[in-house]
Amino acid sequence: MVRRFAVLKDNMVINITMSEIVLYENWIESEIAQMGDSYDSETGKFSTSQQNINRDLMVVTMRQARLALLAEGILSTVNDAIAAMDSPAKEAAEITWEYATEVKRLDPLVIQLGSFLELSEEQLDNLFVVAATL
């Protein structure tokens, strides 16, 4: 049976993964933990706070990112935003969008696209949190 695990670094959830078994010591089984949550090893509980999110650690696969954007109904808008860019930024963005294997929350392209989509920092964070579960 596949189980859901929070992947921890310094008692903070940096990713969510699915597995049938615990593969690493820093994996804690949880159905509710989200990226950015903190974990109290004494109580075994997760706490959520927007302040806990470490954007530097937020990384998802391109598949996860696209599925999250699709779920929010803004995937085609991202394509439109890239098409509207000026050269050479447009070509660089197209290459990144097409060939990157992962997406970092603090990538300048993510920040630029977030601005184009009129997404707040919190909304961008939430997209990454959702993407990590897909």
C-alpha atoms as a PDB file:
ATOM      1  CA  MET A   1       0.000   0.000   0.000  1.00  0.00           C
ATOM      2  CA  VAL A   2       1.375   3.414  -0.973  1.00  0.00           C
ATOM      3  CA  ARG A   3       1.805   5.803   1.942  1.00  0.00           C
ATOM      4  CA  ARG A   4       2.384   9.569   2.070  1.00  0.00           C
ATOM      5  CA  PHE A   5       5.540  10.904   3.705  1.00  0.00           C
ATOM      6  CA  ALA A   6       6.825  14.340   4.659  1.00  0.00           C
ATOM      7  CA  VAL A   7      10.511  14.716   3.827  1.00  0.00           C
ATOM      8  CA  LEU A   8      12.253  16.719   6.553  1.00  0.00           C
ATOM      9  CA  LYS A   9      15.352  18.876   6.683  1.00  0.00           C
ATOM     10  CA  ASP A  10      16.117  20.652   9.956  1.00  0.00           C
ATOM     11  CA  ASN A  11      12.597  19.731  11.182  1.00  0.00           C
ATOM     12  CA  MET A  12      10.970  21.468   8.217  1.00  0.00           C
ATOM     13  CA  VAL A  13       8.988  19.737   5.481  1.00  0.00           C
ATOM     14  CA  ILE A  14      10.874  20.280   2.238  1.00  0.00           C
ATOM     15  CA  ASN A  15       8.946  17.801   0.101  1.00  0.00           C
ATOM     16  CA  ILE A  16       6.088  15.313   0.082  1.00  0.00           C
ATOM     17  CA  THR A  17       6.613  11.858  -1.410  1.00  0.00           C
ATOM     18  CA  MET A  18       4.714   8.620  -1.836  1.00  0.00           C
ATOM     19  CA  SER A  19       6.184   5.199  -1.128  1.00  0.00           C
ATOM     20  CA  GLU A  20       5.221   1.764   0.116  1.00  0.00           C
ATOM     21  CA  ILE A  21       8.065   1.798   2.656  1.00  0.00           C
ATOM     22  CA  VAL A  22      10.112   4.291   4.650  1.00  0.00           C
ATOM     23  CA  LEU A  23      13.308   4.757   2.659  1.00  0.00           C
ATOM     24  CA  TYR A  24      15.075   7.393   4.758  1.00  0.00           C
ATOM     25  CA  GLU A  25      15.212   8.426   8.395  1.00  0.00           C
ATOM     26  CA  ASN A  26      14.033  11.942   7.558  1.00  0.00           C
ATOM     27  CA  TRP A  27      10.720  10.644   6.143  1.00  0.00           C
ATOM     28  CA  ILE A  28       7.732  10.963   8.492  1.00  0.00           C
ATOM     29  CA  GLU A  29       4.403   9.442   7.494  1.00  0.00           C
ATOM     30  CA  SER A  30       1.655  12.065   7.382  1.00  0.00           C
ATOM     31  CA  GLU A  31      -1.578  12.602   5.506  1.00  0.00           C
ATOM     32  CA  ILE A  32      -1.737  16.297   6.425  1.00  0.00           C
ATOM     33  CA  ALA A  33       1.810  17.690   6.382  1.00  0.00           C
ATOM     34  CA  GLN A  34       2.554  20.280   3.698  1.00  0.00           C
ATOM     35  CA  MET A  35       5.760  21.834   2.403  1.00  0.00           C
ATOM     36  CA  GLY A  36       6.956  24.522   4.772  1.00  0.00           C
ATOM     37  CA  ASP A  37       5.385  22.922   7.844  1.00  0.00           C
ATOM     38  CA  SER A  38       7.593  22.485  10.883  1.00  0.00           C
ATOM     39  CA  TYR A  39       7.820  19.196  12.716  1.00  0.00           C
ATOM     40  CA  ASP A  40       8.144  18.759  16.476  1.00  0.00           C
ATOM     41  CA  SER A  41       9.917  15.452  17.030  1.00  0.00           C
ATOM     42  CA  GLU A  42       8.959  15.406  20.724  1.00  0.00           C
ATOM     43  CA  THR A  43       5.211  15.573  20.059  1.00  0.00           C
ATOM     44  CA  GLY A  44       5.259  14.037  16.573  1.00  0.00           C
ATOM     45  CA  LYS A  45       3.103  16.906  15.289  1.00  0.00           C
ATOM     46  CA  PHE A  46       3.345  19.217  12.321  1.00  0.00           C
ATOM     47  CA  SER A  47       2.536  22.918  12.520  1.00  0.00           C
ATOM     48  CA  THR A  48       1.681  25.107   9.573  1.00  0.00           C
ATOM     49  CA  SER A  49       2.631  28.721   9.234  1.00  0.00           C
ATOM     50  CA  GLN A  50       3.285  30.842   6.174  1.00  0.00           C
ATOM     51  CA  GLN A  51       6.334  32.108   8.058  1.00  0.00           C
ATOM     52  CA  ASN A  52       7.746  28.562   8.142  1.00  0.00           C
ATOM     53  CA  ILE A  53       8.023  28.346   4.372  1.00  0.00           C
ATOM     54  CA  ASN A  54      11.607  28.373   3.196  1.00  0.00           C
ATOM     55  CA  ARG A  55      11.248  29.334  -0.457  1.00  0.00           C
ATOM     56  CA  ASP A  56      14.862  28.425  -1.105  1.00  0.00           C
ATOM     57  CA  LEU A  57      14.003  24.756  -0.493  1.00  0.00           C
ATOM     58  CA  MET A  58      10.823  24.686  -2.599  1.00  0.00           C
ATOM     59  CA  VAL A  59      11.565  22.583  -5.676  1.00  0.00           C
ATOM     60  CA  VAL A  60       9.123  20.492  -7.716  1.00  0.00           C
ATOM     61  CA  THR A  61       9.368  18.566 -10.944  1.00  0.00           C
ATOM     62  CA  MET A  62       8.181  20.213 -14.131  1.00  0.00           C
ATOM     63  CA  ARG A  63       5.391  17.607 -14.287  1.00  0.00           C
ATOM     64  CA  GLN A  64       4.225  18.583 -10.797  1.00  0.00           C
ATOM     65  CA  ALA A  65       4.370  22.282 -11.680  1.00  0.00           C
ATOM     66  CA  ARG A  66       2.343  21.848 -14.856  1.00  0.00           C
ATOM     67  CA  LEU A  67      -0.272  19.701 -13.110  1.00  0.00           C
ATOM     68  CA  ALA A  68      -0.656  22.327 -10.362  1.00  0.00           C
ATOM     69  CA  LEU A  69      -1.029  25.095 -12.954  1.00  0.00           C
ATOM     70  CA  LEU A  70      -3.554  22.984 -14.859  1.00  0.00           C
ATOM     71  CA  ALA A  71      -5.537  22.363 -11.662  1.00  0.00           C
ATOM     72  CA  GLU A  72      -5.655  26.121 -11.068  1.00  0.00           C
ATOM     73  CA  GLY A  73      -6.746  26.734 -14.658  1.00  0.00           C
ATOM     74  CA  ILE A  74      -3.732  28.898 -15.499  1.00  0.00           C
ATOM     75  CA  LEU A  75      -1.491  26.556 -17.501  1.00  0.00           C
ATOM     76  CA  SER A  76      -2.407  28.154 -20.837  1.00  0.00           C
ATOM     77  CA  THR A  77      -1.886  31.608 -19.331  1.00  0.00           C
ATOM     78  CA  VAL A  78       1.721  30.667 -18.531  1.00  0.00           C
ATOM     79  CA  ASN A  79       2.232  29.698 -22.162  1.00  0.00           C
ATOM     80  CA  ASP A  80       0.742  33.056 -23.203  1.00  0.00           C
ATOM     81  CA  ALA A  81       3.041  34.898 -20.776  1.00  0.00           C
ATOM     82  CA  ILE A  82       6.119  33.232 -22.225  1.00  0.00           C
ATOM     83  CA  ALA A  83       4.960  33.959 -25.788  1.00  0.00           C
ATOM     84  CA  ALA A  84       4.537  37.650 -24.880  1.00  0.00           C
ATOM     85  CA  MET A  85       8.140  38.074 -23.678  1.00  0.00           C
ATOM     86  CA  ASP A  86      10.735  39.972 -25.667  1.00  0.00           C
ATOM     87  CA  SER A  87      13.813  38.306 -27.174  1.00  0.00           C
ATOM     88  CA  PRO A  88      16.142  36.915 -25.945  1.00  0.00           C
ATOM     89  CA  ALA A  89      14.244  36.391 -22.644  1.00  0.00           C
ATOM     90  CA  LYS A  90      11.426  34.699 -24.571  1.00  0.00           C
ATOM     91  CA  GLU A  91      13.713  32.081 -26.099  1.00  0.00           C
ATOM     92  CA  ALA A  92      15.444  31.454 -22.765  1.00  0.00           C
ATOM     93  CA  ALA A  93      12.057  31.026 -21.069  1.00  0.00           C
ATOM     94  CA  GLU A  94      10.870  28.657 -23.812  1.00  0.00           C
ATOM     95  CA  ILE A  95      13.980  26.511 -23.384  1.00  0.00           C
ATOM     96  CA  THR A  96      13.541  26.435 -19.616  1.00  0.00           C
ATOM     97  CA  TRP A  97       9.819  25.685 -19.853  1.00  0.00           C
ATOM     98  CA  GLU A  98      10.383  22.891 -22.366  1.00  0.00           C
ATOM     99  CA  TYR A  99      13.548  21.220 -21.069  1.00  0.00           C
ATOM    100  CA  ALA A 100      13.942  21.893 -17.341  1.00  0.00           C
ATOM    101  CA  THR A 101      13.376  18.873 -15.120  1.00  0.00           C
ATOM    102  CA  GLU A 102      12.661  20.842 -11.973  1.00  0.00           C
ATOM    103  CA  VAL A 103      11.243  24.205 -10.995  1.00  0.00           C
ATOM    104  CA  LYS A 104      12.648  26.241  -8.112  1.00  0.00           C
ATOM    105  CA  ARG A 105      10.363  28.648  -6.280  1.00  0.00           C
ATOM    106  CA  LEU A 106      12.970  31.413  -6.346  1.00  0.00           C
ATOM    107  CA  ASP A 107      13.868  30.993 -10.019  1.00  0.00           C
ATOM    108  CA  PRO A 108      13.698  34.428 -11.688  1.00  0.00           C
ATOM    109  CA  LEU A 109      11.405  33.002 -14.388  1.00  0.00           C
ATOM    110  CA  VAL A 110       8.946  31.777 -11.723  1.00  0.00           C
ATOM    111  CA  ILE A 111       8.947  35.212 -10.106  1.00  0.00           C
ATOM    112  CA  GLN A 112       8.461  36.919 -13.482  1.00  0.00           C
ATOM    113  CA  LEU A 113       5.625  34.588 -14.488  1.00  0.00           C
ATOM    114  CA  GLY A 114       4.016  35.005 -11.061  1.00  0.00           C
ATOM    115  CA  SER A 115       4.031  38.755 -11.584  1.00  0.00           C
ATOM    116  CA  PHE A 116       2.528  38.399 -15.070  1.00  0.00           C
ATOM    117  CA  LEU A 117      -0.195  36.149 -13.639  1.00  0.00           C
ATOM    118  CA  GLU A 118      -0.765  38.663 -10.821  1.00  0.00           C
ATOM    119  CA  LEU A 119      -0.085  36.003  -8.187  1.00  0.00           C
ATOM    120  CA  SER A 120       0.952  37.047  -4.698  1.00  0.00           C
ATOM    121  CA  GLU A 121       3.968  35.502  -2.965  1.00  0.00           C
ATOM    122  CA  GLU A 122       1.583  33.412  -0.869  1.00  0.00           C
ATOM    123  CA  GLN A 123      -0.295  32.204  -3.960  1.00  0.00           C
ATOM    124  CA  LEU A 124       2.993  31.171  -5.593  1.00  0.00           C
ATOM    125  CA  ASP A 125       4.008  29.379  -2.391  1.00  0.00           C
ATOM    126  CA  ASN A 126       0.679  27.568  -2.345  1.00  0.00           C
ATOM    127  CA  LEU A 127       1.111  26.463  -5.971  1.00  0.00           C
ATOM    128  CA  PHE A 128       4.399  24.853  -4.989  1.00  0.00           C
ATOM    129  CA  VAL A 129       2.841  23.239  -1.927  1.00  0.00           C
ATOM    130  CA  VAL A 130       0.068  21.760  -4.080  1.00  0.00           C
ATOM    131  CA  ALA A 131       2.522  20.748  -6.813  1.00  0.00           C
ATOM    132  CA  ALA A 132       4.633  18.812  -4.316  1.00  0.00           C
ATOM    133  CA  THR A 133       1.664  16.561  -3.563  1.00  0.00           C
ATOM    134  CA  LEU A 134       1.007  15.648  -7.207  1.00  0.00           C
END
